[in-house]
């Protein structure tokens, strides 16, 4: 049986780029904020997200998965 990784450990893995420079940060980065999907979706099945002038759609599927599309 494989262990399920802790969400905080995954979000703070050293291979993730928290500095925005395309490489793993050499100094300790602040933990990434953790949100429940229900907080984002607010009871709906989809929500629009504006990022750098582009509109994305975050959608929950019937099987409980999340899909992010541009």
PDB file of N, CA and C in Angstrom:
ATOM      1  N   UNK A   1       0.851  -1.172   0.000  1.00  0.00           N
ATOM      2  CA  UNK A   1       0.000   0.000   0.000  1.00  0.00           C
ATOM      3  C   UNK A   1       0.898   1.235   0.000  1.00  0.00           C
ATOM      4  N   UNK A   2       0.604   2.209  -0.880  1.00  0.00           N
ATOM      5  CA  UNK A   2       1.393   3.428  -0.950  1.00  0.00           C
ATOM      6  C   UNK A   2       0.797   4.498  -0.054  1.00  0.00           C
ATOM      7  N   UNK A   3       1.661   5.282   0.529  1.00  0.00           N
ATOM      8  CA  UNK A   3       1.206   6.366   1.404  1.00  0.00           C
ATOM      9  C   UNK A   3       0.738   7.548   0.568  1.00  0.00           C
ATOM     10  N   UNK A   4      -0.332   8.173   0.993  1.00  0.00           N
ATOM     11  CA  UNK A   4      -0.821   9.369   0.335  1.00  0.00           C
ATOM     12  C   UNK A   4      -0.017  10.552   0.859  1.00  0.00           C
ATOM     13  N   UNK A   5       0.575  11.375  -0.047  1.00  0.00           N
ATOM     14  CA  UNK A   5       1.381  12.488   0.435  1.00  0.00           C
ATOM     15  C   UNK A   5       0.518  13.554   1.098  1.00  0.00           C
ATOM     16  N   UNK A   6       1.060  14.166   2.115  1.00  0.00           N
ATOM     17  CA  UNK A   6       0.408  15.276   2.798  1.00  0.00           C
ATOM     18  C   UNK A   6       0.345  16.450   1.822  1.00  0.00           C
ATOM     19  N   UNK A   7      -0.805  17.138   1.741  1.00  0.00           N
ATOM     20  CA  UNK A   7      -0.979  18.246   0.794  1.00  0.00           C
ATOM     21  C   UNK A   7       0.056  19.336   1.020  1.00  0.00           C
ATOM     22  N   UNK A   8       0.378  19.634   2.273  1.00  0.00           N
ATOM     23  CA  UNK A   8       1.368  20.674   2.546  1.00  0.00           C
ATOM     24  C   UNK A   8       2.741  20.247   2.050  1.00  0.00           C
ATOM     25  N   UNK A   9       3.077  18.967   2.209  1.00  0.00           N
ATOM     26  CA  UNK A   9       4.369  18.485   1.745  1.00  0.00           C
ATOM     27  C   UNK A   9       4.460  18.575   0.229  1.00  0.00           C
ATOM     28  N   UNK A  10       3.381  18.265  -0.462  1.00  0.00           N
ATOM     29  CA  UNK A  10       3.370  18.346  -1.927  1.00  0.00           C
ATOM     30  C   UNK A  10       3.506  19.788  -2.383  1.00  0.00           C
ATOM     31  N   UNK A  11       2.756  20.714  -1.765  1.00  0.00           N
ATOM     32  CA  UNK A  11       2.800  22.113  -2.172  1.00  0.00           C
ATOM     33  C   UNK A  11       4.135  22.771  -1.862  1.00  0.00           C
ATOM     34  N   UNK A  12       4.887  22.231  -0.928  1.00  0.00           N
ATOM     35  CA  UNK A  12       6.155  22.827  -0.544  1.00  0.00           C
ATOM     36  C   UNK A  12       7.358  22.008  -0.976  1.00  0.00           C
ATOM     37  N   UNK A  13       7.162  21.101  -1.921  1.00  0.00           N
ATOM     38  CA  UNK A  13       8.252  20.268  -2.405  1.00  0.00           C
ATOM     39  C   UNK A  13       9.330  21.151  -3.018  1.00  0.00           C
ATOM     40  N   UNK A  14      10.619  20.865  -2.757  1.00  0.00           N
ATOM     41  CA  UNK A  14      11.695  21.721  -3.261  1.00  0.00           C
ATOM     42  C   UNK A  14      11.744  21.827  -4.781  1.00  0.00           C
ATOM     43  N   UNK A  15      11.142  20.895  -5.507  1.00  0.00           N
ATOM     44  CA  UNK A  15      11.173  20.972  -6.969  1.00  0.00           C
ATOM     45  C   UNK A  15      10.206  22.017  -7.509  1.00  0.00           C
ATOM     46  N   UNK A  16       9.269  22.488  -6.678  1.00  0.00           N
ATOM     47  CA  UNK A  16       8.334  23.513  -7.122  1.00  0.00           C
ATOM     48  C   UNK A  16       9.008  24.873  -7.086  1.00  0.00           C
ATOM     49  N   UNK A  17       8.682  25.706  -8.058  1.00  0.00           N
ATOM     50  CA  UNK A  17       9.290  27.017  -8.172  1.00  0.00           C
ATOM     51  C   UNK A  17       8.418  28.046  -7.474  1.00  0.00           C
ATOM     52  N   UNK A  18       8.753  28.403  -6.251  1.00  0.00           N
ATOM     53  CA  UNK A  18       8.004  29.423  -5.519  1.00  0.00           C
ATOM     54  C   UNK A  18       8.560  30.813  -5.790  1.00  0.00           C
ATOM     55  N   UNK A  19       9.756  30.899  -6.384  1.00  0.00           N
ATOM     56  CA  UNK A  19      10.399  32.190  -6.596  1.00  0.00           C
ATOM     57  C   UNK A  19      10.010  32.808  -7.934  1.00  0.00           C
ATOM     58  N   UNK A  20       9.442  32.044  -8.842  1.00  0.00           N
ATOM     59  CA  UNK A  20       9.025  32.580 -10.136  1.00  0.00           C
ATOM     60  C   UNK A  20      10.139  32.680 -11.145  1.00  0.00           C
ATOM     61  N   UNK A  21      11.290  32.088 -10.872  1.00  0.00           N
ATOM     62  CA  UNK A  21      12.424  32.206 -11.781  1.00  0.00           C
ATOM     63  C   UNK A  21      12.647  30.993 -12.657  1.00  0.00           C
ATOM     64  N   UNK A  22      11.770  29.996 -12.584  1.00  0.00           N
ATOM     65  CA  UNK A  22      11.931  28.820 -13.437  1.00  0.00           C
ATOM     66  C   UNK A  22      12.825  27.756 -12.835  1.00  0.00           C
ATOM     67  N   UNK A  23      13.390  27.996 -11.675  1.00  0.00           N
ATOM     68  CA  UNK A  23      14.240  27.024 -11.002  1.00  0.00           C
ATOM     69  C   UNK A  23      13.793  26.889  -9.556  1.00  0.00           C
ATOM     70  N   UNK A  24      14.140  25.778  -8.941  1.00  0.00           N
ATOM     71  CA  UNK A  24      13.791  25.582  -7.531  1.00  0.00           C
ATOM     72  C   UNK A  24      14.506  26.627  -6.689  1.00  0.00           C
ATOM     73  N   UNK A  25      13.817  27.201  -5.741  1.00  0.00           N
ATOM     74  CA  UNK A  25      14.398  28.220  -4.877  1.00  0.00           C
ATOM     75  C   UNK A  25      15.444  27.600  -3.966  1.00  0.00           C
ATOM     76  N   UNK A  26      16.548  28.295  -3.752  1.00  0.00           N
ATOM     77  CA  UNK A  26      17.608  27.774  -2.890  1.00  0.00           C
ATOM     78  C   UNK A  26      17.323  28.092  -1.430  1.00  0.00           C
ATOM     79  N   UNK A  27      16.546  29.134  -1.159  1.00  0.00           N
ATOM     80  CA  UNK A  27      16.194  29.454   0.215  1.00  0.00           C
ATOM     81  C   UNK A  27      14.795  28.936   0.521  1.00  0.00           C
ATOM     82  N   UNK A  28      14.496  28.804   1.797  1.00  0.00           N
ATOM     83  CA  UNK A  28      13.187  28.289   2.206  1.00  0.00           C
ATOM     84  C   UNK A  28      12.087  29.266   1.784  1.00  0.00           C
ATOM     85  N   UNK A  29      11.085  28.768   1.114  1.00  0.00           N
ATOM     86  CA  UNK A  29       9.967  29.593   0.650  1.00  0.00           C
ATOM     87  C   UNK A  29       8.813  29.482   1.635  1.00  0.00           C
ATOM     88  N   UNK A  30       7.952  30.492   1.628  1.00  0.00           N
ATOM     89  CA  UNK A  30       6.753  30.446   2.464  1.00  0.00           C
ATOM     90  C   UNK A  30       5.839  29.333   1.965  1.00  0.00           C
ATOM     91  N   UNK A  31       5.115  28.692   2.871  1.00  0.00           N
ATOM     92  CA  UNK A  31       4.178  27.648   2.433  1.00  0.00           C
ATOM     93  C   UNK A  31       3.107  28.240   1.515  1.00  0.00           C
ATOM     94  N   UNK A  32       2.741  27.507   0.485  1.00  0.00           N
ATOM     95  CA  UNK A  32       1.681  27.940  -0.421  1.00  0.00           C
ATOM     96  C   UNK A  32       0.352  27.881   0.309  1.00  0.00           C
ATOM     97  N   UNK A  33      -0.535  28.859   0.073  1.00  0.00           N
ATOM     98  CA  UNK A  33      -1.852  28.806   0.715  1.00  0.00           C
ATOM     99  C   UNK A  33      -2.619  27.562   0.269  1.00  0.00           C
ATOM    100  N   UNK A  34      -3.367  26.979   1.166  1.00  0.00           N
ATOM    101  CA  UNK A  34      -4.149  25.786   0.865  1.00  0.00           C
ATOM    102  C   UNK A  34      -5.624  26.141   0.956  1.00  0.00           C
ATOM    103  N   UNK A  35      -6.361  25.918  -0.127  1.00  0.00           N
ATOM    104  CA  UNK A  35      -7.793  26.210  -0.183  1.00  0.00           C
ATOM    105  C   UNK A  35      -8.556  24.936  -0.491  1.00  0.00           C
ATOM    106  N   UNK A  36      -9.719  24.816   0.075  1.00  0.00           N
ATOM    107  CA  UNK A  36     -10.623  23.729  -0.291  1.00  0.00           C
ATOM    108  C   UNK A  36     -11.263  24.100  -1.629  1.00  0.00           C
ATOM    109  N   UNK A  37     -11.466  23.134  -2.497  1.00  0.00           N
ATOM    110  CA  UNK A  37     -12.095  23.417  -3.790  1.00  0.00           C
ATOM    111  C   UNK A  37     -13.492  24.002  -3.606  1.00  0.00           C
ATOM    112  N   UNK A  38     -14.182  23.589  -2.541  1.00  0.00           N
ATOM    113  CA  UNK A  38     -15.525  24.114  -2.273  1.00  0.00           C
ATOM    114  C   UNK A  38     -15.499  25.625  -2.032  1.00  0.00           C
ATOM    115  N   UNK A  39     -14.393  26.128  -1.463  1.00  0.00           N
ATOM    116  CA  UNK A  39     -14.251  27.568  -1.260  1.00  0.00           C
ATOM    117  C   UNK A  39     -14.183  28.307  -2.593  1.00  0.00           C
ATOM    118  N   UNK A  40     -13.519  27.710  -3.559  1.00  0.00           N
ATOM    119  CA  UNK A  40     -13.402  28.327  -4.885  1.00  0.00           C
ATOM    120  C   UNK A  40     -14.693  28.201  -5.681  1.00  0.00           C
ATOM    121  N   UNK A  41     -15.304  27.029  -5.634  1.00  0.00           N
ATOM    122  CA  UNK A  41     -16.491  26.770  -6.457  1.00  0.00           C
ATOM    123  C   UNK A  41     -17.767  27.342  -5.842  1.00  0.00           C
ATOM    124  N   UNK A  42     -17.773  27.576  -4.534  1.00  0.00           N
ATOM    125  CA  UNK A  42     -18.913  28.173  -3.821  1.00  0.00           C
ATOM    126  C   UNK A  42     -20.249  27.525  -4.186  1.00  0.00           C
ATOM    127  N   UNK A  43     -20.277  26.205  -4.174  1.00  0.00           N
ATOM    128  CA  UNK A  43     -21.510  25.471  -4.420  1.00  0.00           C
ATOM    129  C   UNK A  43     -21.808  25.204  -5.885  1.00  0.00           C
ATOM    130  N   UNK A  44     -21.058  25.800  -6.790  1.00  0.00           N
ATOM    131  CA  UNK A  44     -21.263  25.583  -8.221  1.00  0.00           C
ATOM    132  C   UNK A  44     -20.361  24.482  -8.738  1.00  0.00           C
ATOM    133  N   UNK A  45     -20.437  24.251 -10.039  1.00  0.00           N
ATOM    134  CA  UNK A  45     -19.604  23.218 -10.662  1.00  0.00           C
ATOM    135  C   UNK A  45     -18.412  23.810 -11.401  1.00  0.00           C
ATOM    136  N   UNK A  46     -18.422  25.142 -11.633  1.00  0.00           N
ATOM    137  CA  UNK A  46     -17.332  25.784 -12.364  1.00  0.00           C
ATOM    138  C   UNK A  46     -17.156  27.218 -11.879  1.00  0.00           C
ATOM    139  N   UNK A  47     -15.931  27.712 -12.041  1.00  0.00           N
ATOM    140  CA  UNK A  47     -15.615  29.095 -11.679  1.00  0.00           C
ATOM    141  C   UNK A  47     -14.599  29.624 -12.691  1.00  0.00           C
ATOM    142  N   UNK A  48     -14.717  30.912 -13.013  1.00  0.00           N
ATOM    143  CA  UNK A  48     -13.748  31.552 -13.904  1.00  0.00           C
ATOM    144  C   UNK A  48     -12.611  32.135 -13.087  1.00  0.00           C
ATOM    145  N   UNK A  49     -11.394  32.032 -13.620  1.00  0.00           N
ATOM    146  CA  UNK A  49     -10.210  32.567 -12.952  1.00  0.00           C
ATOM    147  C   UNK A  49      -9.462  33.428 -13.966  1.00  0.00           C
ATOM    148  N   UNK A  50      -9.254  34.708 -13.626  1.00  0.00           N
ATOM    149  CA  UNK A  50      -8.450  35.595 -14.463  1.00  0.00           C
ATOM    150  C   UNK A  50      -7.004  35.497 -14.003  1.00  0.00           C
ATOM    151  N   UNK A  51      -6.094  35.214 -14.944  1.00  0.00           N
ATOM    152  CA  UNK A  51      -4.675  35.091 -14.626  1.00  0.00           C
ATOM    153  C   UNK A  51      -3.871  35.725 -15.748  1.00  0.00           C
ATOM    154  N   UNK A  52      -3.131  36.777 -15.436  1.00  0.00           N
ATOM    155  CA  UNK A  52      -2.304  37.483 -16.419  1.00  0.00           C
ATOM    156  C   UNK A  52      -3.093  37.863 -17.665  1.00  0.00           C
ATOM    157  N   UNK A  53      -4.310  38.330 -17.478  1.00  0.00           N
ATOM    158  CA  UNK A  53      -5.127  38.785 -18.592  1.00  0.00           C
ATOM    159  C   UNK A  53      -5.852  37.697 -19.360  1.00  0.00           C
ATOM    160  N   UNK A  54      -5.657  36.440 -18.977  1.00  0.00           N
ATOM    161  CA  UNK A  54      -6.338  35.323 -19.640  1.00  0.00           C
ATOM    162  C   UNK A  54      -7.398  34.747 -18.710  1.00  0.00           C
ATOM    163  N   UNK A  55      -8.493  34.297 -19.303  1.00  0.00           N
ATOM    164  CA  UNK A  55      -9.572  33.692 -18.535  1.00  0.00           C
ATOM    165  C   UNK A  55      -9.433  32.175 -18.564  1.00  0.00           C
ATOM    166  N   UNK A  56      -9.426  31.565 -17.388  1.00  0.00           N
ATOM    167  CA  UNK A  56      -9.374  30.116 -17.232  1.00  0.00           C
ATOM    168  C   UNK A  56     -10.671  29.666 -16.579  1.00  0.00           C
ATOM    169  N   UNK A  57     -11.004  28.395 -16.760  1.00  0.00           N
ATOM    170  CA  UNK A  57     -12.193  27.819 -16.146  1.00  0.00           C
ATOM    171  C   UNK A  57     -11.770  26.614 -15.317  1.00  0.00           C
ATOM    172  N   UNK A  58     -12.128  26.638 -14.039  1.00  0.00           N
ATOM    173  CA  UNK A  58     -11.902  25.510 -13.144  1.00  0.00           C
ATOM    174  C   UNK A  58     -13.234  24.811 -12.969  1.00  0.00           C
ATOM    175  N   UNK A  59     -13.280  23.532 -13.334  1.00  0.00           N
ATOM    176  CA  UNK A  59     -14.538  22.789 -13.354  1.00  0.00           C
ATOM    177  C   UNK A  59     -14.401  21.494 -12.571  1.00  0.00           C
ATOM    178  N   UNK A  60     -15.413  21.186 -11.767  1.00  0.00           N
ATOM    179  CA  UNK A  60     -15.477  19.914 -11.039  1.00  0.00           C
ATOM    180  C   UNK A  60     -16.257  18.920 -11.886  1.00  0.00           C
ATOM    181  N   UNK A  61     -15.725  17.705 -12.025  1.00  0.00           N
ATOM    182  CA  UNK A  61     -16.400  16.676 -12.809  1.00  0.00           C
ATOM    183  C   UNK A  61     -17.338  15.864 -11.914  1.00  0.00           C
ATOM    184  N   UNK A  62     -18.145  15.024 -12.531  1.00  0.00           N
ATOM    185  CA  UNK A  62     -19.059  14.148 -11.789  1.00  0.00           C
ATOM    186  C   UNK A  62     -18.297  13.153 -10.918  1.00  0.00           C
ATOM    187  N   UNK A  63     -17.055  12.831 -11.325  1.00  0.00           N
ATOM    188  CA  UNK A  63     -16.246  11.866 -10.580  1.00  0.00           C
ATOM    189  C   UNK A  63     -15.407  12.533  -9.490  1.00  0.00           C
ATOM    190  N   UNK A  64     -15.605  13.843  -9.285  1.00  0.00           N
ATOM    191  CA  UNK A  64     -14.893  14.534  -8.219  1.00  0.00           C
ATOM    192  C   UNK A  64     -13.501  15.025  -8.591  1.00  0.00           C
ATOM    193  N   UNK A  65     -13.173  15.030  -9.875  1.00  0.00           N
ATOM    194  CA  UNK A  65     -11.881  15.534 -10.334  1.00  0.00           C
ATOM    195  C   UNK A  65     -12.018  17.012 -10.683  1.00  0.00           C
ATOM    196  N   UNK A  66     -10.891  17.710 -10.787  1.00  0.00           N
ATOM    197  CA  UNK A  66     -10.878  19.102 -11.212  1.00  0.00           C
ATOM    198  C   UNK A  66     -10.190  19.230 -12.556  1.00  0.00           C
ATOM    199  N   UNK A  67     -10.752  20.074 -13.419  1.00  0.00           N
ATOM    200  CA  UNK A  67     -10.193  20.348 -14.744  1.00  0.00           C
ATOM    201  C   UNK A  67     -10.003  21.844 -14.861  1.00  0.00           C
ATOM    202  N   UNK A  68      -8.784  22.258 -15.230  1.00  0.00           N
ATOM    203  CA  UNK A  68      -8.492  23.680 -15.472  1.00  0.00           C
ATOM    204  C   UNK A  68      -8.238  23.844 -16.960  1.00  0.00           C
ATOM    205  N   UNK A  69      -9.056  24.677 -17.621  1.00  0.00           N
ATOM    206  CA  UNK A  69      -8.911  24.901 -19.056  1.00  0.00           C
ATOM    207  C   UNK A  69      -8.776  26.392 -19.329  1.00  0.00           C
ATOM    208  N   UNK A  70      -8.139  26.690 -20.444  1.00  0.00           N
ATOM    209  CA  UNK A  70      -7.963  28.083 -20.867  1.00  0.00           C
ATOM    210  C   UNK A  70      -9.031  28.435 -21.870  1.00  0.00           C
TER     211      UNK A  70
END
